[in-house]
Amino acid sequence: MHQLTEFVTAHLALSVLFVGLLVLLIVTEFRRVSGGVSDLSTLEVTQLLNHKHAVLVDVREEQEYQQGHIVNAIHIPLGKIDEQSKKLEKYKKRPIITYCRTGQRSSSACSRLHKQGYETVYNLRGGITAWQKDNLPLTTK
């Protein structure tokens, strides 16, 4: 114990940095677990779509959606997710996967949906950008 005290006093800045990073890691992990939101890769998303009949929700703005979206995605812009989540009521028993351009807005949508009682909500990691990078299909219809 004496050695630890001696190390901390000799390397105060390093010790403070270590404790700060440790707290940040714990808080981040707690938010991830308590928020009920998991990020999925494009491969995991396609598996859920094919085997579990997952529902895709595009939370981008109208103009972004019109430029191209994943086939059969339901469009609910992030700003309207709370008021339009009723569109998803009939899919409550199925996995719901949200996506945006990069995965930031859709992560927020996941948290909101989870708070409304949707238990299996996922976020497409990297958003539609990752989807396009993996040469997966989009539609403008």
Foldseek 3Di string as FASTA:
>chain_A
DVVVVVVCVVPVVVVVVVVVVVVVVVVVVVCCVVLLEAEDEPVVVVCLCVPQVEAEEEQDDPVQVLVKDAPRHHYHHLVCLVVPVVVCVVVLVTAYEYFYQQFPSRRVSSSVVVVVPRNRYYYHHGGVPSVVVVVHDIDND
